[in-house]
């Protein structure tokens, strides 16, 4: 599982301030900490930056490349900023992102193709994000994949994103995003790559629950073939969960349950209450979170206490 570090994101006040002040040291510390924690790529989300986008990229990309040696994902709706960043990268980059909205689909893929970059393609059109997996996959089949191939982006550089939505109000989307990944990875040969903005699934949830929701969801996504996730590598429990799955470590009760979730999800089977040691608080928390992510229990901020 390739983790794309999410923490250089303008929505974070410290990052917004660092970009505004061109605080190179602050940005470099954040880049280094993510790579040291296990990120194999960094997402640079500078927001729309309608006026200063190219200037921000001219400062940001070299500053980060001075201290880390990983590829970059350039995340902004400002195409001129994207082009500026692509001219400065010293490793193949990713453009994040296009969608099937006509204007984005027309303009963004040719830029990625021109610079030999990968492309994140969101499974949404002008009508927004569909609920069902089938609708999302149809957008990929009808629009995203043909357009990428048309402009010369091979499937091994196309990252389809089914779009995680928060369980706080949109939990019915959660299982459909998982199934969209399954359809892509099992129904296409060769299949494009896949990615997801993992932390979106816990957006607006109270901080103490976010990691549990994120890492349980990641296990489900890994089980159906997710290739990469834009996620927080500084979340040590998330990174430990990845290790447990990849190394098949069932030495703890929680690890054994996570592996059951992984295996049963991969096989399109159910995890049963009998699979859970209800005397183990860690297993109970994972089980309750799984029910929320499967849209079987309505999410409330007190769901772990019910």
C-alpha atoms as a PDB file:
ATOM      1  CA  UNK A   1       0.000   0.000   0.000  1.00  0.00           C
ATOM      2  CA  UNK A   2       1.509   3.265  -1.150  1.00  0.00           C
ATOM      3  CA  UNK A   3       0.721   6.157   1.167  1.00  0.00           C
ATOM      4  CA  UNK A   4       0.622   9.663  -0.292  1.00  0.00           C
ATOM      5  CA  UNK A   5       1.170  12.042   2.602  1.00  0.00           C
ATOM      6  CA  UNK A   6      -1.779  14.415   2.957  1.00  0.00           C
ATOM      7  CA  UNK A   7      -0.483  16.905   5.488  1.00  0.00           C
ATOM      8  CA  UNK A   8       0.732  19.713   3.225  1.00  0.00           C
ATOM      9  CA  UNK A   9      -2.820  20.923   2.775  1.00  0.00           C
ATOM     10  CA  UNK A  10      -3.854  24.548   2.783  1.00  0.00           C
ATOM     11  CA  UNK A  11      -6.908  23.754   4.883  1.00  0.00           C
ATOM     12  CA  UNK A  12      -4.541  23.290   7.841  1.00  0.00           C
ATOM     13  CA  UNK A  13      -3.967  26.692   9.464  1.00  0.00           C
ATOM     14  CA  UNK A  14      -0.236  26.057   9.962  1.00  0.00           C
ATOM     15  CA  UNK A  15       0.201  25.170   6.290  1.00  0.00           C
ATOM     16  CA  UNK A  16      -1.860  28.127   5.148  1.00  0.00           C
ATOM     17  CA  UNK A  17       0.331  30.404   7.249  1.00  0.00           C
ATOM     18  CA  UNK A  18       3.530  28.783   6.019  1.00  0.00           C
ATOM     19  CA  UNK A  19       2.488  29.242   2.384  1.00  0.00           C
ATOM     20  CA  UNK A  20       1.428  32.841   2.966  1.00  0.00           C
ATOM     21  CA  UNK A  21       4.744  33.665   4.665  1.00  0.00           C
ATOM     22  CA  UNK A  22       6.851  31.430   2.395  1.00  0.00           C
ATOM     23  CA  UNK A  23       8.107  29.716   5.553  1.00  0.00           C
ATOM     24  CA  UNK A  24      10.451  27.190   3.977  1.00  0.00           C
ATOM     25  CA  UNK A  25      11.604  25.652   7.254  1.00  0.00           C
ATOM     26  CA  UNK A  26       8.049  24.885   8.390  1.00  0.00           C
ATOM     27  CA  UNK A  27       7.122  23.243   5.089  1.00  0.00           C
ATOM     28  CA  UNK A  28      10.355  21.252   5.023  1.00  0.00           C
ATOM     29  CA  UNK A  29       9.769  19.954   8.554  1.00  0.00           C
ATOM     30  CA  UNK A  30       6.330  18.752   7.542  1.00  0.00           C
ATOM     31  CA  UNK A  31       7.631  17.094   4.387  1.00  0.00           C
ATOM     32  CA  UNK A  32      10.465  15.334   6.240  1.00  0.00           C
ATOM     33  CA  UNK A  33       8.236  14.123   9.075  1.00  0.00           C
ATOM     34  CA  UNK A  34       5.804  12.505   6.653  1.00  0.00           C
ATOM     35  CA  UNK A  35       8.494  10.709   4.679  1.00  0.00           C
ATOM     36  CA  UNK A  36      10.220   9.555   7.866  1.00  0.00           C
ATOM     37  CA  UNK A  37       6.868   8.140   9.030  1.00  0.00           C
ATOM     38  CA  UNK A  38       6.467   6.098   5.838  1.00  0.00           C
ATOM     39  CA  UNK A  39       4.931   8.291   3.132  1.00  0.00           C
ATOM     40  CA  UNK A  40       6.231   7.291  -0.297  1.00  0.00           C
ATOM     41  CA  UNK A  41       4.801  10.346  -2.050  1.00  0.00           C
ATOM     42  CA  UNK A  42       3.598  13.764  -0.893  1.00  0.00           C
ATOM     43  CA  UNK A  43       0.428  15.567  -1.930  1.00  0.00           C
ATOM     44  CA  UNK A  44       0.845  19.332  -2.189  1.00  0.00           C
ATOM     45  CA  UNK A  45      -2.626  20.802  -1.859  1.00  0.00           C
ATOM     46  CA  UNK A  46      -2.352  24.559  -2.254  1.00  0.00           C
ATOM     47  CA  UNK A  47      -6.041  25.219  -2.895  1.00  0.00           C
ATOM     48  CA  UNK A  48      -7.314  27.223  -5.880  1.00  0.00           C
ATOM     49  CA  UNK A  49      -4.614  29.936  -5.584  1.00  0.00           C
ATOM     50  CA  UNK A  50      -6.162  31.797  -8.511  1.00  0.00           C
ATOM     51  CA  UNK A  51      -3.618  34.633  -8.491  1.00  0.00           C
ATOM     52  CA  UNK A  52      -0.473  33.298  -6.847  1.00  0.00           C
ATOM     53  CA  UNK A  53      -0.605  29.623  -7.845  1.00  0.00           C
ATOM     54  CA  UNK A  54       2.475  29.533 -10.109  1.00  0.00           C
ATOM     55  CA  UNK A  55       4.488  31.622  -7.662  1.00  0.00           C
ATOM     56  CA  UNK A  56       3.541  29.303  -4.795  1.00  0.00           C
ATOM     57  CA  UNK A  57       4.620  26.263  -6.818  1.00  0.00           C
ATOM     58  CA  UNK A  58       7.913  27.932  -7.791  1.00  0.00           C
ATOM     59  CA  UNK A  59       8.692  28.242  -4.094  1.00  0.00           C
ATOM     60  CA  UNK A  60       7.065  25.067  -2.735  1.00  0.00           C
ATOM     61  CA  UNK A  61       8.321  22.334  -5.061  1.00  0.00           C
ATOM     62  CA  UNK A  62      12.055  23.162  -4.797  1.00  0.00           C
ATOM     63  CA  UNK A  63      11.747  23.691  -1.045  1.00  0.00           C
ATOM     64  CA  UNK A  64      10.367  20.198  -0.563  1.00  0.00           C
ATOM     65  CA  UNK A  65      12.741  18.555  -3.013  1.00  0.00           C
ATOM     66  CA  UNK A  66      15.676  19.987  -1.067  1.00  0.00           C
ATOM     67  CA  UNK A  67      14.883  17.744   1.896  1.00  0.00           C
ATOM     68  CA  UNK A  68      13.004  14.657   0.632  1.00  0.00           C
ATOM     69  CA  UNK A  69      13.482  12.354  -2.336  1.00  0.00           C
ATOM     70  CA  UNK A  70       9.937  11.186  -3.123  1.00  0.00           C
ATOM     71  CA  UNK A  71       7.509  11.903  -5.973  1.00  0.00           C
ATOM     72  CA  UNK A  72       4.978  14.693  -5.596  1.00  0.00           C
ATOM     73  CA  UNK A  73       1.252  14.938  -6.242  1.00  0.00           C
ATOM     74  CA  UNK A  74       0.308  18.460  -7.325  1.00  0.00           C
ATOM     75  CA  UNK A  75      -3.132  19.289  -6.003  1.00  0.00           C
ATOM     76  CA  UNK A  76      -4.802  22.505  -7.166  1.00  0.00           C
ATOM     77  CA  UNK A  77      -7.468  23.611  -9.619  1.00  0.00           C
ATOM     78  CA  UNK A  78      -5.061  26.226 -11.004  1.00  0.00           C
ATOM     79  CA  UNK A  79      -3.716  24.642 -14.184  1.00  0.00           C
ATOM     80  CA  UNK A  80      -0.958  27.207 -14.587  1.00  0.00           C
ATOM     81  CA  UNK A  81       0.255  26.318 -11.114  1.00  0.00           C
ATOM     82  CA  UNK A  82       0.159  22.637 -12.057  1.00  0.00           C
ATOM     83  CA  UNK A  83       2.263  23.328 -15.156  1.00  0.00           C
ATOM     84  CA  UNK A  84       4.758  25.319 -13.105  1.00  0.00           C
ATOM     85  CA  UNK A  85       5.087  22.500 -10.619  1.00  0.00           C
ATOM     86  CA  UNK A  86       5.500  19.888 -13.333  1.00  0.00           C
ATOM     87  CA  UNK A  87       8.350  21.884 -14.844  1.00  0.00           C
ATOM     88  CA  UNK A  88      10.163  21.813 -11.493  1.00  0.00           C
ATOM     89  CA  UNK A  89       9.715  18.235 -10.269  1.00  0.00           C
ATOM     90  CA  UNK A  90      12.729  15.926 -10.364  1.00  0.00           C
ATOM     91  CA  UNK A  91      10.649  12.731 -10.312  1.00  0.00           C
ATOM     92  CA  UNK A  92       7.515  11.688 -12.223  1.00  0.00           C
ATOM     93  CA  UNK A  93       4.607  13.479 -10.567  1.00  0.00           C
ATOM     94  CA  UNK A  94       0.841  13.104 -10.330  1.00  0.00           C
ATOM     95  CA  UNK A  95      -1.726  15.732 -11.284  1.00  0.00           C
ATOM     96  CA  UNK A  96      -4.530  15.797  -8.729  1.00  0.00           C
ATOM     97  CA  UNK A  97      -7.129  15.928 -10.229  1.00  0.00           C
ATOM     98  CA  UNK A  98      -9.646  15.780 -13.034  1.00  0.00           C
ATOM     99  CA  UNK A  99     -13.236  14.599 -13.023  1.00  0.00           C
ATOM    100  CA  UNK A 100     -15.796  13.895 -15.721  1.00  0.00           C
ATOM    101  CA  UNK A 101     -17.030  17.477 -15.544  1.00  0.00           C
ATOM    102  CA  UNK A 102     -16.655  18.650 -19.165  1.00  0.00           C
ATOM    103  CA  UNK A 103     -14.307  21.586 -18.575  1.00  0.00           C
ATOM    104  CA  UNK A 104     -11.989  19.651 -16.266  1.00  0.00           C
ATOM    105  CA  UNK A 105     -12.009  16.599 -18.522  1.00  0.00           C
ATOM    106  CA  UNK A 106     -11.106  18.738 -21.519  1.00  0.00           C
ATOM    107  CA  UNK A 107      -8.285  20.731 -19.945  1.00  0.00           C
ATOM    108  CA  UNK A 108      -6.571  18.680 -17.235  1.00  0.00           C
ATOM    109  CA  UNK A 109      -5.648  15.320 -18.844  1.00  0.00           C
ATOM    110  CA  UNK A 110      -3.655  16.910 -21.723  1.00  0.00           C
ATOM    111  CA  UNK A 111      -1.489  18.731 -19.177  1.00  0.00           C
ATOM    112  CA  UNK A 112      -0.675  15.504 -17.347  1.00  0.00           C
ATOM    113  CA  UNK A 113       0.055  13.787 -20.658  1.00  0.00           C
ATOM    114  CA  UNK A 114       2.300  16.608 -21.883  1.00  0.00           C
ATOM    115  CA  UNK A 115       4.578  16.255 -18.863  1.00  0.00           C
ATOM    116  CA  UNK A 116       4.419  12.467 -18.569  1.00  0.00           C
ATOM    117  CA  UNK A 117       2.643  12.738 -15.227  1.00  0.00           C
ATOM    118  CA  UNK A 118       0.119  10.452 -13.609  1.00  0.00           C
ATOM    119  CA  UNK A 119      -3.461  11.633 -13.273  1.00  0.00           C
ATOM    120  CA  UNK A 120      -5.980  11.298 -10.453  1.00  0.00           C
ATOM    121  CA  UNK A 121      -9.466  11.032 -11.952  1.00  0.00           C
ATOM    122  CA  UNK A 122     -12.457  11.473  -9.654  1.00  0.00           C
ATOM    123  CA  UNK A 123     -15.478   9.287 -10.408  1.00  0.00           C
ATOM    124  CA  UNK A 124     -17.913  12.181 -10.583  1.00  0.00           C
ATOM    125  CA  UNK A 125     -19.505  14.197 -13.348  1.00  0.00           C
ATOM    126  CA  UNK A 126     -21.302  17.491 -13.664  1.00  0.00           C
ATOM    127  CA  UNK A 127     -24.118  16.111 -11.513  1.00  0.00           C
ATOM    128  CA  UNK A 128     -21.827  15.560  -8.540  1.00  0.00           C
ATOM    129  CA  UNK A 129     -20.871  12.329  -6.798  1.00  0.00           C
ATOM    130  CA  UNK A 130     -23.172   9.376  -7.525  1.00  0.00           C
ATOM    131  CA  UNK A 131     -24.215   7.219  -4.581  1.00  0.00           C
ATOM    132  CA  UNK A 132     -23.886   3.792  -6.157  1.00  0.00           C
ATOM    133  CA  UNK A 133     -20.737   1.948  -7.132  1.00  0.00           C
ATOM    134  CA  UNK A 134     -22.213   1.130 -10.521  1.00  0.00           C
ATOM    135  CA  UNK A 135     -22.776   4.783 -11.387  1.00  0.00           C
ATOM    136  CA  UNK A 136     -19.261   5.732 -10.364  1.00  0.00           C
ATOM    137  CA  UNK A 137     -17.713   2.931 -12.377  1.00  0.00           C
ATOM    138  CA  UNK A 138     -19.833   3.865 -15.384  1.00  0.00           C
ATOM    139  CA  UNK A 139     -18.393   7.386 -15.251  1.00  0.00           C
ATOM    140  CA  UNK A 140     -14.914   5.879 -15.282  1.00  0.00           C
ATOM    141  CA  UNK A 141     -15.734   3.598 -18.216  1.00  0.00           C
ATOM    142  CA  UNK A 142     -17.600   6.165 -20.286  1.00  0.00           C
ATOM    143  CA  UNK A 143     -15.478   9.260 -19.671  1.00  0.00           C
ATOM    144  CA  UNK A 144     -12.369   9.037 -17.520  1.00  0.00           C
ATOM    145  CA  UNK A 145     -10.575   6.044 -19.010  1.00  0.00           C
ATOM    146  CA  UNK A 146     -11.314   6.905 -22.669  1.00  0.00           C
ATOM    147  CA  UNK A 147     -10.142  10.477 -22.176  1.00  0.00           C
ATOM    148  CA  UNK A 148      -6.920   9.400 -20.492  1.00  0.00           C
ATOM    149  CA  UNK A 149      -6.127   6.957 -23.279  1.00  0.00           C
ATOM    150  CA  UNK A 150      -7.086   9.524 -25.921  1.00  0.00           C
ATOM    151  CA  UNK A 151      -4.465  11.994 -24.697  1.00  0.00           C
ATOM    152  CA  UNK A 152      -1.806   9.330 -24.153  1.00  0.00           C
ATOM    153  CA  UNK A 153      -1.975   8.568 -20.432  1.00  0.00           C
ATOM    154  CA  UNK A 154      -1.489   4.806 -19.955  1.00  0.00           C
ATOM    155  CA  UNK A 155      -3.604   2.925 -17.424  1.00  0.00           C
ATOM    156  CA  UNK A 156      -0.616   2.449 -15.151  1.00  0.00           C
ATOM    157  CA  UNK A 157      -0.525   6.229 -14.698  1.00  0.00           C
ATOM    158  CA  UNK A 158      -4.276   6.700 -14.214  1.00  0.00           C
ATOM    159  CA  UNK A 159      -5.495   6.730 -10.608  1.00  0.00           C
ATOM    160  CA  UNK A 160      -9.264   6.351 -10.329  1.00  0.00           C
ATOM    161  CA  UNK A 161     -10.727   7.796  -7.128  1.00  0.00           C
ATOM    162  CA  UNK A 162     -14.264   6.714  -6.095  1.00  0.00           C
ATOM    163  CA  UNK A 163     -14.413   9.590  -3.588  1.00  0.00           C
ATOM    164  CA  UNK A 164     -14.738   8.852   0.109  1.00  0.00           C
ATOM    165  CA  UNK A 165     -17.537  10.774   1.793  1.00  0.00           C
ATOM    166  CA  UNK A 166     -17.868  11.428   5.484  1.00  0.00           C
ATOM    167  CA  UNK A 167     -19.848   9.012   7.622  1.00  0.00           C
ATOM    168  CA  UNK A 168     -21.166  12.117   9.394  1.00  0.00           C
ATOM    169  CA  UNK A 169     -24.118  12.592   7.071  1.00  0.00           C
ATOM    170  CA  UNK A 170     -23.122  10.622   3.962  1.00  0.00           C
ATOM    171  CA  UNK A 171     -22.409   7.155   5.311  1.00  0.00           C
ATOM    172  CA  UNK A 172     -24.474   5.470   2.602  1.00  0.00           C
ATOM    173  CA  UNK A 173     -21.641   6.353   0.213  1.00  0.00           C
ATOM    174  CA  UNK A 174     -19.006   4.422   2.188  1.00  0.00           C
ATOM    175  CA  UNK A 175     -19.707   0.832   1.053  1.00  0.00           C
ATOM    176  CA  UNK A 176     -20.267   1.966  -2.528  1.00  0.00           C
ATOM    177  CA  UNK A 177     -16.800   3.488  -2.746  1.00  0.00           C
ATOM    178  CA  UNK A 178     -15.359   0.135  -1.639  1.00  0.00           C
ATOM    179  CA  UNK A 179     -17.379  -1.731  -4.246  1.00  0.00           C
ATOM    180  CA  UNK A 180     -16.379   0.735  -6.957  1.00  0.00           C
ATOM    181  CA  UNK A 181     -12.742  -0.147  -6.304  1.00  0.00           C
ATOM    182  CA  UNK A 182     -13.630  -3.846  -6.436  1.00  0.00           C
ATOM    183  CA  UNK A 183     -15.361  -3.455  -9.804  1.00  0.00           C
ATOM    184  CA  UNK A 184     -12.414  -1.542 -11.243  1.00  0.00           C
ATOM    185  CA  UNK A 185      -9.751  -3.981 -10.045  1.00  0.00           C
ATOM    186  CA  UNK A 186     -11.651  -7.191 -10.804  1.00  0.00           C
ATOM    187  CA  UNK A 187     -13.597  -6.142 -13.888  1.00  0.00           C
ATOM    188  CA  UNK A 188     -10.845  -4.614 -16.011  1.00  0.00           C
ATOM    189  CA  UNK A 189      -7.757  -6.238 -17.468  1.00  0.00           C
ATOM    190  CA  UNK A 190      -5.493  -4.392 -17.330  1.00  0.00           C
ATOM    191  CA  UNK A 191      -6.999  -2.293 -14.595  1.00  0.00           C
ATOM    192  CA  UNK A 192      -6.131   1.334 -13.886  1.00  0.00           C
ATOM    193  CA  UNK A 193      -4.591   2.227 -10.557  1.00  0.00           C
ATOM    194  CA  UNK A 194      -6.844   3.379  -7.736  1.00  0.00           C
ATOM    195  CA  UNK A 195      -6.558   5.931  -4.965  1.00  0.00           C
ATOM    196  CA  UNK A 196      -8.727   7.646  -2.369  1.00  0.00           C
ATOM    197  CA  UNK A 197      -8.610  10.630  -0.042  1.00  0.00           C
ATOM    198  CA  UNK A 198      -8.906   8.466   3.045  1.00  0.00           C
ATOM    199  CA  UNK A 199      -9.441  11.105   5.719  1.00  0.00           C
ATOM    200  CA  UNK A 200     -12.573  12.365   3.964  1.00  0.00           C
ATOM    201  CA  UNK A 201     -14.473   9.397   5.401  1.00  0.00           C
ATOM    202  CA  UNK A 202     -14.090  10.857   8.894  1.00  0.00           C
ATOM    203  CA  UNK A 203     -14.378  14.538   8.014  1.00  0.00           C
ATOM    204  CA  UNK A 204     -16.134  16.539  10.772  1.00  0.00           C
ATOM    205  CA  UNK A 205     -16.070  13.520  13.106  1.00  0.00           C
ATOM    206  CA  UNK A 206     -14.708  14.170  16.604  1.00  0.00           C
ATOM    207  CA  UNK A 207     -10.890  13.860  16.568  1.00  0.00           C
ATOM    208  CA  UNK A 208     -10.655  10.877  18.920  1.00  0.00           C
ATOM    209  CA  UNK A 209     -12.661   8.700  16.512  1.00  0.00           C
ATOM    210  CA  UNK A 210     -11.115   9.732  13.207  1.00  0.00           C
ATOM    211  CA  UNK A 211      -8.164   7.346  13.193  1.00  0.00           C
ATOM    212  CA  UNK A 212     -10.327   4.331  14.046  1.00  0.00           C
ATOM    213  CA  UNK A 213     -12.744   5.107  11.221  1.00  0.00           C
ATOM    214  CA  UNK A 214      -9.944   5.828   8.751  1.00  0.00           C
ATOM    215  CA  UNK A 215      -7.957   2.686   9.438  1.00  0.00           C
ATOM    216  CA  UNK A 216     -10.964   0.355   9.499  1.00  0.00           C
ATOM    217  CA  UNK A 217     -12.071   1.777   6.154  1.00  0.00           C
ATOM    218  CA  UNK A 218      -8.571   1.386   4.755  1.00  0.00           C
ATOM    219  CA  UNK A 219      -8.592  -2.329   5.582  1.00  0.00           C
ATOM    220  CA  UNK A 220     -11.831  -2.704   3.602  1.00  0.00           C
ATOM    221  CA  UNK A 221     -10.354  -0.789   0.679  1.00  0.00           C
ATOM    222  CA  UNK A 222      -7.088  -2.711   0.725  1.00  0.00           C
ATOM    223  CA  UNK A 223      -9.102  -5.929   0.575  1.00  0.00           C
ATOM    224  CA  UNK A 224     -10.636  -4.988  -2.779  1.00  0.00           C
ATOM    225  CA  UNK A 225      -7.372  -3.874  -4.336  1.00  0.00           C
ATOM    226  CA  UNK A 226      -6.810  -0.203  -3.489  1.00  0.00           C
ATOM    227  CA  UNK A 227      -3.350   0.765  -4.750  1.00  0.00           C
ATOM    228  CA  UNK A 228      -2.709   4.079  -2.995  1.00  0.00           C
ATOM    229  CA  UNK A 229      -4.287   6.309  -0.381  1.00  0.00           C
ATOM    230  CA  UNK A 230      -3.871  10.002   0.309  1.00  0.00           C
ATOM    231  CA  UNK A 231      -3.648   9.719   4.075  1.00  0.00           C
ATOM    232  CA  UNK A 232      -1.886  10.842   7.229  1.00  0.00           C
ATOM    233  CA  UNK A 233       1.390   8.937   7.689  1.00  0.00           C
ATOM    234  CA  UNK A 234       1.833  10.638  11.062  1.00  0.00           C
ATOM    235  CA  UNK A 235      -1.064   8.515  12.351  1.00  0.00           C
ATOM    236  CA  UNK A 236       0.990   5.694  13.837  1.00  0.00           C
ATOM    237  CA  UNK A 237      -2.070   3.485  14.370  1.00  0.00           C
ATOM    238  CA  UNK A 238      -2.968   3.800  10.696  1.00  0.00           C
ATOM    239  CA  UNK A 239       0.540   2.844   9.645  1.00  0.00           C
ATOM    240  CA  UNK A 240       0.516  -0.058  12.104  1.00  0.00           C
ATOM    241  CA  UNK A 241      -2.739  -1.276  10.581  1.00  0.00           C
ATOM    242  CA  UNK A 242      -1.119  -1.329   7.147  1.00  0.00           C
ATOM    243  CA  UNK A 243       1.774  -3.326   8.588  1.00  0.00           C
ATOM    244  CA  UNK A 244      -0.621  -5.814  10.204  1.00  0.00           C
ATOM    245  CA  UNK A 245      -2.400  -6.448   6.921  1.00  0.00           C
ATOM    246  CA  UNK A 246       0.714  -6.625   4.781  1.00  0.00           C
ATOM    247  CA  UNK A 247       2.565  -8.900   7.207  1.00  0.00           C
ATOM    248  CA  UNK A 248      -0.512 -10.948   8.158  1.00  0.00           C
ATOM    249  CA  UNK A 249       0.181 -10.314  11.839  1.00  0.00           C
ATOM    250  CA  UNK A 250      -2.595 -11.863  13.931  1.00  0.00           C
ATOM    251  CA  UNK A 251      -0.653 -11.781  17.202  1.00  0.00           C
ATOM    252  CA  UNK A 252      -3.184  -9.424  18.819  1.00  0.00           C
ATOM    253  CA  UNK A 253      -6.947  -9.674  19.015  1.00  0.00           C
ATOM    254  CA  UNK A 254      -7.381  -6.438  17.095  1.00  0.00           C
ATOM    255  CA  UNK A 255      -4.938  -7.580  14.424  1.00  0.00           C
ATOM    256  CA  UNK A 256      -6.727 -10.908  14.040  1.00  0.00           C
ATOM    257  CA  UNK A 257     -10.068  -9.126  13.587  1.00  0.00           C
ATOM    258  CA  UNK A 258      -8.628  -6.693  11.042  1.00  0.00           C
ATOM    259  CA  UNK A 259      -7.332  -9.642   9.039  1.00  0.00           C
ATOM    260  CA  UNK A 260     -10.776 -11.257   9.194  1.00  0.00           C
ATOM    261  CA  UNK A 261     -12.307  -8.036   7.878  1.00  0.00           C
ATOM    262  CA  UNK A 262      -9.713  -7.988   5.114  1.00  0.00           C
ATOM    263  CA  UNK A 263     -10.205 -11.625   4.136  1.00  0.00           C
ATOM    264  CA  UNK A 264     -14.003 -11.597   4.339  1.00  0.00           C
ATOM    265  CA  UNK A 265     -14.264  -8.343   2.394  1.00  0.00           C
ATOM    266  CA  UNK A 266     -11.964  -9.718  -0.310  1.00  0.00           C
ATOM    267  CA  UNK A 267     -14.122 -12.845  -0.563  1.00  0.00           C
ATOM    268  CA  UNK A 268     -17.392 -10.847  -0.526  1.00  0.00           C
ATOM    269  CA  UNK A 269     -18.341 -12.531   2.739  1.00  0.00           C
ATOM    270  CA  UNK A 270     -19.695 -11.231   6.039  1.00  0.00           C
ATOM    271  CA  UNK A 271     -17.826 -10.711   9.289  1.00  0.00           C
ATOM    272  CA  UNK A 272     -20.057 -12.236  11.954  1.00  0.00           C
ATOM    273  CA  UNK A 273     -20.482 -11.255  15.621  1.00  0.00           C
ATOM    274  CA  UNK A 274     -19.026 -14.658  16.493  1.00  0.00           C
ATOM    275  CA  UNK A 275     -15.759 -13.514  14.894  1.00  0.00           C
ATOM    276  CA  UNK A 276     -15.431 -10.811  17.548  1.00  0.00           C
ATOM    277  CA  UNK A 277     -14.278 -11.217  21.143  1.00  0.00           C
ATOM    278  CA  UNK A 278     -16.851  -8.958  22.747  1.00  0.00           C
ATOM    279  CA  UNK A 279     -14.788  -8.819  25.943  1.00  0.00           C
ATOM    280  CA  UNK A 280     -11.972  -7.063  24.046  1.00  0.00           C
ATOM    281  CA  UNK A 281     -12.680  -3.304  23.853  1.00  0.00           C
ATOM    282  CA  UNK A 282     -10.404  -2.859  20.837  1.00  0.00           C
ATOM    283  CA  UNK A 283     -12.249  -5.534  18.871  1.00  0.00           C
ATOM    284  CA  UNK A 284     -15.638  -4.149  19.873  1.00  0.00           C
ATOM    285  CA  UNK A 285     -14.641  -0.669  18.679  1.00  0.00           C
ATOM    286  CA  UNK A 286     -13.490  -2.068  15.327  1.00  0.00           C
ATOM    287  CA  UNK A 287     -16.687  -4.112  14.990  1.00  0.00           C
ATOM    288  CA  UNK A 288     -18.935  -1.131  15.710  1.00  0.00           C
ATOM    289  CA  UNK A 289     -16.976   0.999  13.259  1.00  0.00           C
ATOM    290  CA  UNK A 290     -17.324  -1.667  10.590  1.00  0.00           C
ATOM    291  CA  UNK A 291     -21.113  -1.612  11.012  1.00  0.00           C
ATOM    292  CA  UNK A 292     -21.125   2.150  10.462  1.00  0.00           C
ATOM    293  CA  UNK A 293     -18.941   1.866   7.369  1.00  0.00           C
ATOM    294  CA  UNK A 294     -21.225  -0.828   5.973  1.00  0.00           C
ATOM    295  CA  UNK A 295     -24.167   1.549   6.562  1.00  0.00           C
ATOM    296  CA  UNK A 296     -25.851  -0.907   8.913  1.00  0.00           C
ATOM    297  CA  UNK A 297     -25.743   1.275  12.007  1.00  0.00           C
ATOM    298  CA  UNK A 298     -26.485   4.985  11.787  1.00  0.00           C
ATOM    299  CA  UNK A 299     -23.461   7.064  12.682  1.00  0.00           C
ATOM    300  CA  UNK A 300     -23.729   9.306  15.702  1.00  0.00           C
ATOM    301  CA  UNK A 301     -20.888  10.785  17.675  1.00  0.00           C
ATOM    302  CA  UNK A 302     -21.725   8.341  20.466  1.00  0.00           C
ATOM    303  CA  UNK A 303     -21.794   5.209  18.302  1.00  0.00           C
ATOM    304  CA  UNK A 304     -18.991   3.528  20.249  1.00  0.00           C
ATOM    305  CA  UNK A 305     -20.957   3.837  23.492  1.00  0.00           C
ATOM    306  CA  UNK A 306     -24.184   2.304  22.231  1.00  0.00           C
END
